Amino acid sequence: MYKQAIWAYELLDSAKVDGDRVRQALAAFGLAASVKRITGARGYTDFISVLVGGKNGKSSGGASPTLGVIGRLGGIGARPERIGLVSDGDGAVAAMTVAAKLGSMKTNGDDLEGDVIISTHICPHAPTQPHDPVPFMGSPVDIATMNRHEIDEQMDAVLSIDTTKGNRVINHKGFAISPTVKEGYILRVSDDLLDIMQWTTGRLPVVFAVTTQDITPYGNDVYHLNSILQPATATGAPVVGVAITAESAVPGCATGASHVPDIECAARFCVEVAKAFGADKCAFYDKAEFSRLVSLYGDMKMLQTCGRAR
């Protein structure tokens, strides 16, 4: 998928790129994208969503499950402070790589069983913000707004792709996946996803640690690794983070820090999950075990909120 990854990188590495330009570029792959511009206190961003219909997907009246692929980020650029694509933009690049590949596959007669919905947002002029150990990218809009426009109620499971280099926890160059998170529970890592990861990378799978803080919404004044699992606060569907990682701590606002081989590998993993998930050959979690947990320990949906009034 290098062709699509390089295409996506070059498309988004621009001070002039916006949602409409991305929509037009995706049309070359036979894809129709919707774009919505949202303005916040610190500027605007364009949310973009693409539906790739499966031959037995819900969009065509079928019953196959729908996979959501979210490119999570603050912004693809920090202009005028920084020139060029920032490290934080890898999630958007990976999401557009997935869209382009699935569009090419569909054009060439390789339809998936289920639908895939790919969403992200395009902001080449995002602010930065302090964070330990290295600065993060900010965003013109808040996380709740991102969730509203990037999560679709039709998604039966979600892969959330996010650059996760600004930490000292994941010391691996490439990508790593999280345990499955659903309705406030951190569940066991999916064996099916581990299989697909080791098949696509040719290496042993890598899983990153998730804490209770990470699966709570931003704005509650507790530390978060980053926003990779924020989609889990806004949906009942199971969510797995796909973290594009580095051995060293890299600021989200750093330029020249995006590595196409890592983006391509993460995107290819997502495409293979899409193939298997729509065909009911990839489970994000054990439904019976989840029901057992809820019956034993109760509802954990409180963790999807900002908690009790303080």
C-alpha atoms as a PDB file:
ATOM      1  CA  MET A   1       0.000   0.000   0.000  1.00  0.00           C
ATOM      2  CA  TYR A   2       2.985   2.332  -0.423  1.00  0.00           C
ATOM      3  CA  LYS A   3       1.417   3.979  -3.456  1.00  0.00           C
ATOM      4  CA  GLN A   4      -1.653   4.992  -1.452  1.00  0.00           C
ATOM      5  CA  ALA A   5       0.394   5.985   1.614  1.00  0.00           C
ATOM      6  CA  ILE A   6       2.663   8.284  -0.398  1.00  0.00           C
ATOM      7  CA  TRP A   7      -0.385   9.726  -2.174  1.00  0.00           C
ATOM      8  CA  ALA A   8      -2.053  10.489   1.160  1.00  0.00           C
ATOM      9  CA  TYR A   9       1.126  11.969   2.647  1.00  0.00           C
ATOM     10  CA  GLU A  10       1.682  14.306  -0.300  1.00  0.00           C
ATOM     11  CA  LEU A  11      -1.987  15.294  -0.368  1.00  0.00           C
ATOM     12  CA  LEU A  12      -2.048  16.328   3.296  1.00  0.00           C
ATOM     13  CA  ASP A  13       1.417  17.899   3.453  1.00  0.00           C
ATOM     14  CA  SER A  14       0.154  21.276   2.250  1.00  0.00           C
ATOM     15  CA  ALA A  15      -0.774  24.629   3.723  1.00  0.00           C
ATOM     16  CA  LYS A  16      -3.612  24.838   1.178  1.00  0.00           C
ATOM     17  CA  VAL A  17      -5.244  21.460   1.733  1.00  0.00           C
ATOM     18  CA  ASP A  18      -8.795  21.366   3.074  1.00  0.00           C
ATOM     19  CA  GLY A  19     -11.706  18.964   3.198  1.00  0.00           C
ATOM     20  CA  ASP A  20     -12.941  19.866  -0.266  1.00  0.00           C
ATOM     21  CA  ARG A  21      -9.554  19.198  -1.838  1.00  0.00           C
ATOM     22  CA  VAL A  22      -9.409  15.803  -0.097  1.00  0.00           C
ATOM     23  CA  ARG A  23     -12.962  15.027  -1.238  1.00  0.00           C
ATOM     24  CA  GLN A  24     -12.002  15.753  -4.850  1.00  0.00           C
ATOM     25  CA  ALA A  25      -8.862  13.627  -4.559  1.00  0.00           C
ATOM     26  CA  LEU A  26     -10.828  10.664  -3.171  1.00  0.00           C
ATOM     27  CA  ALA A  27     -13.195  10.833  -6.141  1.00  0.00           C
ATOM     28  CA  ALA A  28     -10.330   9.504  -8.285  1.00  0.00           C
ATOM     29  CA  PHE A  29     -10.651   6.249  -6.315  1.00  0.00           C
ATOM     30  CA  GLY A  30     -14.406   6.069  -6.937  1.00  0.00           C
ATOM     31  CA  LEU A  31     -15.230   7.328  -3.444  1.00  0.00           C
ATOM     32  CA  ALA A  32     -17.865   9.885  -2.456  1.00  0.00           C
ATOM     33  CA  ALA A  33     -16.906  11.749   0.707  1.00  0.00           C
ATOM     34  CA  SER A  34     -18.935  14.119   2.844  1.00  0.00           C
ATOM     35  CA  VAL A  35     -17.247  17.221   4.270  1.00  0.00           C
ATOM     36  CA  LYS A  36     -18.367  19.509   7.078  1.00  0.00           C
ATOM     37  CA  ARG A  37     -16.462  22.560   8.282  1.00  0.00           C
ATOM     38  CA  ILE A  38     -16.645  23.273  12.013  1.00  0.00           C
ATOM     39  CA  THR A  39     -15.302  26.507  13.481  1.00  0.00           C
ATOM     40  CA  GLY A  40     -14.078  26.727  17.060  1.00  0.00           C
ATOM     41  CA  ALA A  41     -12.489  29.363  19.241  1.00  0.00           C
ATOM     42  CA  ARG A  42      -9.063  28.720  17.736  1.00  0.00           C
ATOM     43  CA  GLY A  43      -9.882  28.292  14.062  1.00  0.00           C
ATOM     44  CA  TYR A  44     -11.644  25.707  11.926  1.00  0.00           C
ATOM     45  CA  THR A  45     -11.265  22.152  10.709  1.00  0.00           C
ATOM     46  CA  ASP A  46     -12.980  20.090   8.014  1.00  0.00           C
ATOM     47  CA  PHE A  47     -14.444  16.753   9.060  1.00  0.00           C
ATOM     48  CA  ILE A  48     -14.469  14.202   6.262  1.00  0.00           C
ATOM     49  CA  SER A  49     -16.284  10.870   6.149  1.00  0.00           C
ATOM     50  CA  VAL A  50     -16.155   8.157   3.494  1.00  0.00           C
ATOM     51  CA  LEU A  51     -18.419   5.124   3.185  1.00  0.00           C
ATOM     52  CA  VAL A  52     -17.010   2.153   1.284  1.00  0.00           C
ATOM     53  CA  GLY A  53     -19.985  -0.106   0.719  1.00  0.00           C
ATOM     54  CA  GLY A  54     -19.652  -3.867   1.085  1.00  0.00           C
ATOM     55  CA  LYS A  55     -21.524  -6.380  -1.048  1.00  0.00           C
ATOM     56  CA  ASN A  56     -23.492  -7.513   2.001  1.00  0.00           C
ATOM     57  CA  GLY A  57     -23.188  -4.288   3.980  1.00  0.00           C
ATOM     58  CA  LYS A  58     -25.925  -2.364   5.729  1.00  0.00           C
ATOM     59  CA  SER A  59     -25.826   0.352   3.080  1.00  0.00           C
ATOM     60  CA  SER A  60     -27.066  -2.160   0.509  1.00  0.00           C
ATOM     61  CA  GLY A  61     -29.629  -3.822   2.800  1.00  0.00           C
ATOM     62  CA  GLY A  62     -27.313  -6.580   4.005  1.00  0.00           C
ATOM     63  CA  ALA A  63     -26.513  -7.797   7.507  1.00  0.00           C
ATOM     64  CA  SER A  64     -22.710  -7.814   7.614  1.00  0.00           C
ATOM     65  CA  PRO A  65     -21.153  -5.708  10.383  1.00  0.00           C
ATOM     66  CA  THR A  66     -19.694  -2.253   9.707  1.00  0.00           C
ATOM     67  CA  LEU A  67     -16.155  -1.321  10.677  1.00  0.00           C
ATOM     68  CA  GLY A  68     -15.266   2.244  11.567  1.00  0.00           C
ATOM     69  CA  VAL A  69     -11.733   3.522  10.913  1.00  0.00           C
ATOM     70  CA  ILE A  70     -11.040   6.868  12.576  1.00  0.00           C
ATOM     71  CA  GLY A  71      -7.941   8.937  11.912  1.00  0.00           C
ATOM     72  CA  ARG A  72      -7.556  10.646  15.287  1.00  0.00           C
ATOM     73  CA  LEU A  73      -5.462  13.815  15.616  1.00  0.00           C
ATOM     74  CA  GLY A  74      -5.393  17.420  16.706  1.00  0.00           C
ATOM     75  CA  GLY A  75      -4.217  18.751  13.361  1.00  0.00           C
ATOM     76  CA  ILE A  76      -2.109  17.857  10.333  1.00  0.00           C
ATOM     77  CA  GLY A  77      -0.145  21.098  10.600  1.00  0.00           C
ATOM     78  CA  ALA A  78       0.815  23.751  13.151  1.00  0.00           C
ATOM     79  CA  ARG A  79       1.238  26.651  10.760  1.00  0.00           C
ATOM     80  CA  PRO A  80       2.558  29.317  11.025  1.00  0.00           C
ATOM     81  CA  GLU A  81       4.552  28.038  14.035  1.00  0.00           C
ATOM     82  CA  ARG A  82       5.738  24.941  12.145  1.00  0.00           C
ATOM     83  CA  ILE A  83       6.019  24.386   8.373  1.00  0.00           C
ATOM     84  CA  GLY A  84       4.955  21.014   6.991  1.00  0.00           C
ATOM     85  CA  LEU A  85       3.044  17.928   8.077  1.00  0.00           C
ATOM     86  CA  VAL A  86       3.384  17.316  11.810  1.00  0.00           C
ATOM     87  CA  SER A  87       3.823  13.950  13.494  1.00  0.00           C
ATOM     88  CA  ASP A  88       0.294  14.224  14.874  1.00  0.00           C
ATOM     89  CA  GLY A  89      -1.050  14.086  11.306  1.00  0.00           C
ATOM     90  CA  ASP A  90      -0.145  10.410  10.839  1.00  0.00           C
ATOM     91  CA  GLY A  91      -3.645   9.324  11.893  1.00  0.00           C
ATOM     92  CA  ALA A  92      -5.236  11.311   9.079  1.00  0.00           C
ATOM     93  CA  VAL A  93      -2.644  10.093   6.576  1.00  0.00           C
ATOM     94  CA  ALA A  94      -3.276   6.480   7.591  1.00  0.00           C
ATOM     95  CA  ALA A  95      -7.062   6.895   7.396  1.00  0.00           C
ATOM     96  CA  MET A  96      -6.844   8.373   3.892  1.00  0.00           C
ATOM     97  CA  THR A  97      -4.459   5.571   2.912  1.00  0.00           C
ATOM     98  CA  VAL A  98      -7.087   3.047   4.013  1.00  0.00           C
ATOM     99  CA  ALA A  99      -9.792   4.871   2.056  1.00  0.00           C
ATOM    100  CA  ALA A 100      -7.696   5.040  -1.106  1.00  0.00           C
ATOM    101  CA  LYS A 101      -6.796   1.341  -0.931  1.00  0.00           C
ATOM    102  CA  LEU A 102     -10.358   0.211  -0.299  1.00  0.00           C
ATOM    103  CA  GLY A 103     -11.554   2.445  -3.145  1.00  0.00           C
ATOM    104  CA  SER A 104      -8.963   0.928  -5.478  1.00  0.00           C
ATOM    105  CA  MET A 105      -9.928  -2.573  -4.415  1.00  0.00           C
ATOM    106  CA  LYS A 106     -13.613  -1.888  -5.055  1.00  0.00           C
ATOM    107  CA  THR A 107     -12.876  -0.431  -8.491  1.00  0.00           C
ATOM    108  CA  ASN A 108     -10.879  -3.571  -9.300  1.00  0.00           C
ATOM    109  CA  GLY A 109     -13.722  -5.885  -8.278  1.00  0.00           C
ATOM    110  CA  ASP A 110     -12.620  -6.768  -4.744  1.00  0.00           C
ATOM    111  CA  ASP A 111     -15.677  -5.867  -2.676  1.00  0.00           C
ATOM    112  CA  LEU A 112     -15.610  -6.506   1.045  1.00  0.00           C
ATOM    113  CA  GLU A 113     -18.526  -8.235   2.746  1.00  0.00           C
ATOM    114  CA  GLY A 114     -19.336  -5.400   5.141  1.00  0.00           C
ATOM    115  CA  ASP A 115     -19.314  -1.627   4.946  1.00  0.00           C
ATOM    116  CA  VAL A 116     -16.349   0.414   6.118  1.00  0.00           C
ATOM    117  CA  ILE A 117     -16.720   4.017   7.297  1.00  0.00           C
ATOM    118  CA  ILE A 118     -13.512   6.058   7.353  1.00  0.00           C
ATOM    119  CA  SER A 119     -13.476   9.449   9.068  1.00  0.00           C
ATOM    120  CA  THR A 120     -10.952  12.064  10.135  1.00  0.00           C
ATOM    121  CA  HIS A 121     -10.520  15.820  10.033  1.00  0.00           C
ATOM    122  CA  ILE A 122      -8.308  18.133   8.013  1.00  0.00           C
ATOM    123  CA  CYS A 123      -6.689  21.078   9.808  1.00  0.00           C
ATOM    124  CA  PRO A 124      -3.344  22.396   8.491  1.00  0.00           C
ATOM    125  CA  HIS A 125      -3.359  25.364  10.904  1.00  0.00           C
ATOM    126  CA  ALA A 126      -3.911  23.802  14.345  1.00  0.00           C
ATOM    127  CA  PRO A 127      -2.542  25.201  17.632  1.00  0.00           C
ATOM    128  CA  THR A 128      -0.056  23.423  19.905  1.00  0.00           C
ATOM    129  CA  GLN A 129      -0.367  22.786  23.632  1.00  0.00           C
ATOM    130  CA  PRO A 130       1.971  21.896  26.532  1.00  0.00           C
ATOM    131  CA  HIS A 131       2.217  18.240  27.553  1.00  0.00           C
ATOM    132  CA  ASP A 132       4.697  16.057  29.431  1.00  0.00           C
ATOM    133  CA  PRO A 133       7.152  14.730  28.244  1.00  0.00           C
ATOM    134  CA  VAL A 134       6.828  16.582  24.902  1.00  0.00           C
ATOM    135  CA  PRO A 135       4.343  19.102  23.454  1.00  0.00           C
ATOM    136  CA  PHE A 136       1.068  17.913  21.949  1.00  0.00           C
ATOM    137  CA  MET A 137      -0.901  19.299  19.057  1.00  0.00           C
ATOM    138  CA  GLY A 138      -4.066  21.115  19.999  1.00  0.00           C
ATOM    139  CA  SER A 139      -7.155  21.494  17.835  1.00  0.00           C
ATOM    140  CA  PRO A 140      -9.604  24.232  16.885  1.00  0.00           C
ATOM    141  CA  VAL A 141     -12.434  22.058  18.261  1.00  0.00           C
ATOM    142  CA  ASP A 142     -12.822  19.929  21.378  1.00  0.00           C
ATOM    143  CA  ILE A 143     -12.859  16.157  21.668  1.00  0.00           C
ATOM    144  CA  ALA A 144     -16.644  15.980  22.096  1.00  0.00           C
ATOM    145  CA  THR A 145     -17.056  17.747  18.752  1.00  0.00           C
ATOM    146  CA  MET A 146     -14.579  15.356  17.127  1.00  0.00           C
ATOM    147  CA  ASN A 147     -16.486  12.369  18.470  1.00  0.00           C
ATOM    148  CA  ARG A 148     -19.806  13.717  17.186  1.00  0.00           C
ATOM    149  CA  HIS A 149     -18.470  14.070  13.660  1.00  0.00           C
ATOM    150  CA  GLU A 150     -16.134  11.069  13.453  1.00  0.00           C
ATOM    151  CA  ILE A 151     -18.239   8.361  15.086  1.00  0.00           C
ATOM    152  CA  ASP A 152     -21.175   6.957  13.153  1.00  0.00           C
ATOM    153  CA  GLU A 153     -23.952   5.007  14.857  1.00  0.00           C
ATOM    154  CA  GLN A 154     -23.634   2.370  12.125  1.00  0.00           C
ATOM    155  CA  MET A 155     -20.126   1.425  13.288  1.00  0.00           C
ATOM    156  CA  ASP A 156     -20.172  -1.986  14.974  1.00  0.00           C
ATOM    157  CA  ALA A 157     -16.496  -1.754  15.933  1.00  0.00           C
ATOM    158  CA  VAL A 158     -13.903   0.998  15.695  1.00  0.00           C
ATOM    159  CA  LEU A 159     -10.204   1.162  14.931  1.00  0.00           C
ATOM    160  CA  SER A 160      -8.830   4.496  16.163  1.00  0.00           C
ATOM    161  CA  ILE A 161      -5.514   5.364  14.487  1.00  0.00           C
ATOM    162  CA  ASP A 162      -3.431   7.970  16.280  1.00  0.00           C
ATOM    163  CA  THR A 163       0.197   9.011  16.446  1.00  0.00           C
ATOM    164  CA  THR A 164       1.319   7.904  19.927  1.00  0.00           C
ATOM    165  CA  LYS A 165       4.943   8.980  20.070  1.00  0.00           C
ATOM    166  CA  GLY A 166       4.856  11.649  22.780  1.00  0.00           C
ATOM    167  CA  ASN A 167       5.400   9.302  25.709  1.00  0.00           C
ATOM    168  CA  ARG A 168       7.913   7.035  27.436  1.00  0.00           C
ATOM    169  CA  VAL A 169       5.557   4.064  27.670  1.00  0.00           C
ATOM    170  CA  ILE A 170       5.617   2.604  24.150  1.00  0.00           C
ATOM    171  CA  ASN A 171       9.255   2.147  23.132  1.00  0.00           C
ATOM    172  CA  HIS A 172       8.662   0.529  19.748  1.00  0.00           C
ATOM    173  CA  LYS A 173       8.965   1.910  16.229  1.00  0.00           C
ATOM    174  CA  GLY A 174       6.083   0.905  14.012  1.00  0.00           C
ATOM    175  CA  PHE A 175       2.613   0.480  15.421  1.00  0.00           C
ATOM    176  CA  ALA A 176       0.970  -1.110  18.435  1.00  0.00           C
ATOM    177  CA  ILE A 177      -2.615  -1.978  19.314  1.00  0.00           C
ATOM    178  CA  SER A 178      -4.549  -1.558  22.535  1.00  0.00           C
ATOM    179  CA  PRO A 179      -6.752  -3.946  24.442  1.00  0.00           C
ATOM    180  CA  THR A 180     -10.393  -3.657  23.410  1.00  0.00           C
ATOM    181  CA  VAL A 181     -12.311  -0.946  25.264  1.00  0.00           C
ATOM    182  CA  LYS A 182     -16.094  -1.138  25.535  1.00  0.00           C
ATOM    183  CA  GLU A 183     -18.496   0.877  27.698  1.00  0.00           C
ATOM    184  CA  GLY A 184     -15.932   1.624  30.395  1.00  0.00           C
ATOM    185  CA  TYR A 185     -14.363  -1.847  30.475  1.00  0.00           C
ATOM    186  CA  ILE A 186     -10.796  -2.549  29.376  1.00  0.00           C
ATOM    187  CA  LEU A 187     -11.160  -6.042  27.940  1.00  0.00           C
ATOM    188  CA  ARG A 188      -8.652  -8.681  26.936  1.00  0.00           C
ATOM    189  CA  VAL A 189      -6.695  -8.157  23.740  1.00  0.00           C
ATOM    190  CA  SER A 190      -8.441  -9.732  20.752  1.00  0.00           C
ATOM    191  CA  ASP A 191      -6.683 -12.891  19.566  1.00  0.00           C
ATOM    192  CA  ASP A 192      -8.025 -12.273  16.056  1.00  0.00           C
ATOM    193  CA  LEU A 193      -6.441  -8.813  15.955  1.00  0.00           C
ATOM    194  CA  LEU A 194      -3.164 -10.213  17.292  1.00  0.00           C
ATOM    195  CA  ASP A 195      -3.184 -12.782  14.478  1.00  0.00           C
ATOM    196  CA  ILE A 196      -3.795 -10.136  11.816  1.00  0.00           C
ATOM    197  CA  MET A 197      -1.101  -7.908  13.290  1.00  0.00           C
ATOM    198  CA  GLN A 198       1.573 -10.576  13.216  1.00  0.00           C
ATOM    199  CA  TRP A 199       0.550 -11.655   9.710  1.00  0.00           C
ATOM    200  CA  THR A 200       0.743  -8.127   8.310  1.00  0.00           C
ATOM    201  CA  THR A 201       3.967  -7.147  10.080  1.00  0.00           C
ATOM    202  CA  GLY A 202       5.777 -10.487   9.970  1.00  0.00           C
ATOM    203  CA  ARG A 203       6.729  -9.860  13.594  1.00  0.00           C
ATOM    204  CA  LEU A 204       5.399 -10.635  17.042  1.00  0.00           C
ATOM    205  CA  PRO A 205       2.439  -8.373  17.870  1.00  0.00           C
ATOM    206  CA  VAL A 206       2.943  -5.326  20.080  1.00  0.00           C
ATOM    207  CA  VAL A 207       0.296  -4.198  22.588  1.00  0.00           C
ATOM    208  CA  PHE A 208       0.436  -0.911  24.470  1.00  0.00           C
ATOM    209  CA  ALA A 209      -0.682  -0.402  28.053  1.00  0.00           C
ATOM    210  CA  VAL A 210      -4.017   1.309  28.706  1.00  0.00           C
ATOM    211  CA  THR A 211      -5.057   2.854  32.022  1.00  0.00           C
ATOM    212  CA  THR A 212      -8.447   3.810  33.381  1.00  0.00           C
ATOM    213  CA  GLN A 213      -7.537   7.481  32.858  1.00  0.00           C
ATOM    214  CA  ASP A 214      -7.024   6.903  29.135  1.00  0.00           C
ATOM    215  CA  ILE A 215     -10.583   5.691  28.567  1.00  0.00           C
ATOM    216  CA  THR A 216     -12.250   8.632  30.316  1.00  0.00           C
ATOM    217  CA  PRO A 217     -13.203  11.814  28.441  1.00  0.00           C
ATOM    218  CA  TYR A 218     -10.854  14.736  28.112  1.00  0.00           C
ATOM    219  CA  GLY A 219     -11.752  17.635  30.363  1.00  0.00           C
ATOM    220  CA  ASN A 220     -11.857  15.727  33.674  1.00  0.00           C
ATOM    221  CA  ASP A 221      -8.409  16.974  34.781  1.00  0.00           C
ATOM    222  CA  VAL A 222      -6.671  13.577  34.784  1.00  0.00           C
ATOM    223  CA  TYR A 223      -3.670  12.512  32.721  1.00  0.00           C
ATOM    224  CA  HIS A 224      -4.282  10.837  29.357  1.00  0.00           C
ATOM    225  CA  LEU A 225      -1.658   9.094  27.237  1.00  0.00           C
ATOM    226  CA  ASN A 226      -3.286  10.869  24.281  1.00  0.00           C
ATOM    227  CA  SER A 227      -6.666  10.944  22.534  1.00  0.00           C
ATOM    228  CA  ILE A 228      -6.414   7.545  20.850  1.00  0.00           C
ATOM    229  CA  LEU A 229      -9.187   5.984  22.965  1.00  0.00           C
ATOM    230  CA  GLN A 230     -11.462   9.016  23.162  1.00  0.00           C
ATOM    231  CA  PRO A 231     -13.859   7.416  20.627  1.00  0.00           C
ATOM    232  CA  ALA A 232     -14.583   4.802  23.320  1.00  0.00           C
ATOM    233  CA  THR A 233     -16.193   7.523  25.446  1.00  0.00           C
ATOM    234  CA  ALA A 234     -18.843   8.202  22.801  1.00  0.00           C
ATOM    235  CA  THR A 235     -19.970   4.812  21.516  1.00  0.00           C
ATOM    236  CA  GLY A 236     -21.171   1.471  22.799  1.00  0.00           C
ATOM    237  CA  ALA A 237     -19.201  -0.292  20.066  1.00  0.00           C
ATOM    238  CA  PRO A 238     -15.863  -1.923  20.945  1.00  0.00           C
ATOM    239  CA  VAL A 239     -12.865   0.332  20.222  1.00  0.00           C
ATOM    240  CA  VAL A 240      -9.247  -0.634  19.621  1.00  0.00           C
ATOM    241  CA  GLY A 241      -6.454   1.895  19.350  1.00  0.00           C
ATOM    242  CA  VAL A 242      -3.945   1.564  16.523  1.00  0.00           C
ATOM    243  CA  ALA A 243      -0.984   3.593  17.744  1.00  0.00           C
ATOM    244  CA  ILE A 244       1.725   4.709  15.325  1.00  0.00           C
ATOM    245  CA  THR A 245       4.760   4.648  17.588  1.00  0.00           C
ATOM    246  CA  ALA A 246       8.454   5.450  17.985  1.00  0.00           C
ATOM    247  CA  GLU A 247      11.271   4.288  20.239  1.00  0.00           C
ATOM    248  CA  SER A 248      11.873   7.821  21.519  1.00  0.00           C
ATOM    249  CA  ALA A 249       9.487  10.520  22.701  1.00  0.00           C
ATOM    250  CA  VAL A 250       8.572  12.676  19.683  1.00  0.00           C
ATOM    251  CA  PRO A 251       6.472  15.866  19.972  1.00  0.00           C
ATOM    252  CA  GLY A 252       3.154  15.766  18.159  1.00  0.00           C
ATOM    253  CA  CYS A 253       4.061  19.136  16.645  1.00  0.00           C
ATOM    254  CA  ALA A 254       7.392  17.875  15.244  1.00  0.00           C
ATOM    255  CA  THR A 255       7.784  18.005  11.462  1.00  0.00           C
ATOM    256  CA  GLY A 256       9.830  15.544   9.452  1.00  0.00           C
ATOM    257  CA  ALA A 257       8.850  12.874  11.983  1.00  0.00           C
ATOM    258  CA  SER A 258       6.327  10.920   9.870  1.00  0.00           C
ATOM    259  CA  HIS A 259       7.557   7.579   8.554  1.00  0.00           C
ATOM    260  CA  VAL A 260       5.674   6.250   5.537  1.00  0.00           C
ATOM    261  CA  PRO A 261       6.607   2.584   6.197  1.00  0.00           C
ATOM    262  CA  ASP A 262       4.987   2.764   9.664  1.00  0.00           C
ATOM    263  CA  ILE A 263       1.894   4.547   8.330  1.00  0.00           C
ATOM    264  CA  GLU A 264       1.584   2.027   5.506  1.00  0.00           C
ATOM    265  CA  CYS A 265       1.879  -0.930   7.857  1.00  0.00           C
ATOM    266  CA  ALA A 266      -0.762   0.413  10.240  1.00  0.00           C
ATOM    267  CA  ALA A 267      -3.098   1.165   7.326  1.00  0.00           C
ATOM    268  CA  ARG A 268      -2.566  -2.287   5.820  1.00  0.00           C
ATOM    269  CA  PHE A 269      -3.429  -3.830   9.182  1.00  0.00           C
ATOM    270  CA  CYS A 270      -6.693  -1.858   9.175  1.00  0.00           C
ATOM    271  CA  VAL A 271      -7.551  -3.037   5.651  1.00  0.00           C
ATOM    272  CA  GLU A 272      -7.002  -6.665   6.639  1.00  0.00           C
ATOM    273  CA  VAL A 273      -9.165  -6.196   9.739  1.00  0.00           C
ATOM    274  CA  ALA A 274     -11.870  -4.697   7.511  1.00  0.00           C
ATOM    275  CA  LYS A 275     -11.799  -7.758   5.264  1.00  0.00           C
ATOM    276  CA  ALA A 276     -12.118 -10.156   8.190  1.00  0.00           C
ATOM    277  CA  PHE A 277     -14.548  -8.156  10.345  1.00  0.00           C
ATOM    278  CA  GLY A 278     -17.139  -7.721   7.599  1.00  0.00           C
ATOM    279  CA  ALA A 279     -16.991 -11.463   6.951  1.00  0.00           C
ATOM    280  CA  ASP A 280     -17.557 -12.252  10.669  1.00  0.00           C
ATOM    281  CA  LYS A 281     -14.057 -13.700  10.920  1.00  0.00           C
ATOM    282  CA  CYS A 282     -12.641 -11.195  13.390  1.00  0.00           C
ATOM    283  CA  ALA A 283     -14.059 -10.581  16.869  1.00  0.00           C
ATOM    284  CA  PHE A 284     -13.007  -7.520  18.827  1.00  0.00           C
ATOM    285  CA  TYR A 285     -14.256  -9.054  22.094  1.00  0.00           C
ATOM    286  CA  ASP A 286     -15.971 -12.094  23.585  1.00  0.00           C
ATOM    287  CA  LYS A 287     -19.652 -11.165  23.918  1.00  0.00           C
ATOM    288  CA  ALA A 288     -20.444 -13.869  26.460  1.00  0.00           C
ATOM    289  CA  GLU A 289     -17.494 -12.883  28.650  1.00  0.00           C
ATOM    290  CA  PHE A 290     -18.466  -9.213  28.476  1.00  0.00           C
ATOM    291  CA  SER A 291     -22.009 -10.067  29.591  1.00  0.00           C
ATOM    292  CA  ARG A 292     -20.541 -12.101  32.445  1.00  0.00           C
ATOM    293  CA  LEU A 293     -18.409  -9.139  33.562  1.00  0.00           C
ATOM    294  CA  VAL A 294     -21.400  -6.808  33.569  1.00  0.00           C
ATOM    295  CA  SER A 295     -23.492  -9.303  35.515  1.00  0.00           C
ATOM    296  CA  LEU A 296     -20.742  -9.711  38.113  1.00  0.00           C
ATOM    297  CA  TYR A 297     -19.465  -6.158  38.466  1.00  0.00           C
ATOM    298  CA  GLY A 298     -22.120  -3.919  37.008  1.00  0.00           C
ATOM    299  CA  ASP A 299     -22.274  -1.162  34.454  1.00  0.00           C
ATOM    300  CA  MET A 300     -19.045   0.831  33.912  1.00  0.00           C
ATOM    301  CA  LYS A 301     -20.542   3.470  31.629  1.00  0.00           C
ATOM    302  CA  MET A 302     -19.772   6.116  34.263  1.00  0.00           C
ATOM    303  CA  LEU A 303     -16.214   6.015  32.876  1.00  0.00           C
ATOM    304  CA  GLN A 304     -17.556   7.276  29.546  1.00  0.00           C
ATOM    305  CA  THR A 305     -18.591  10.497  31.272  1.00  0.00           C
ATOM    306  CA  CYS A 306     -16.723  13.283  33.082  1.00  0.00           C
ATOM    307  CA  GLY A 307     -17.836  11.755  36.372  1.00  0.00           C
ATOM    308  CA  ARG A 308     -19.735  13.094  39.311  1.00  0.00           C
ATOM    309  CA  ALA A 309     -20.208  16.826  39.762  1.00  0.00           C
ATOM    310  CA  ARG A 310     -17.308  18.336  41.732  1.00  0.00           C
END
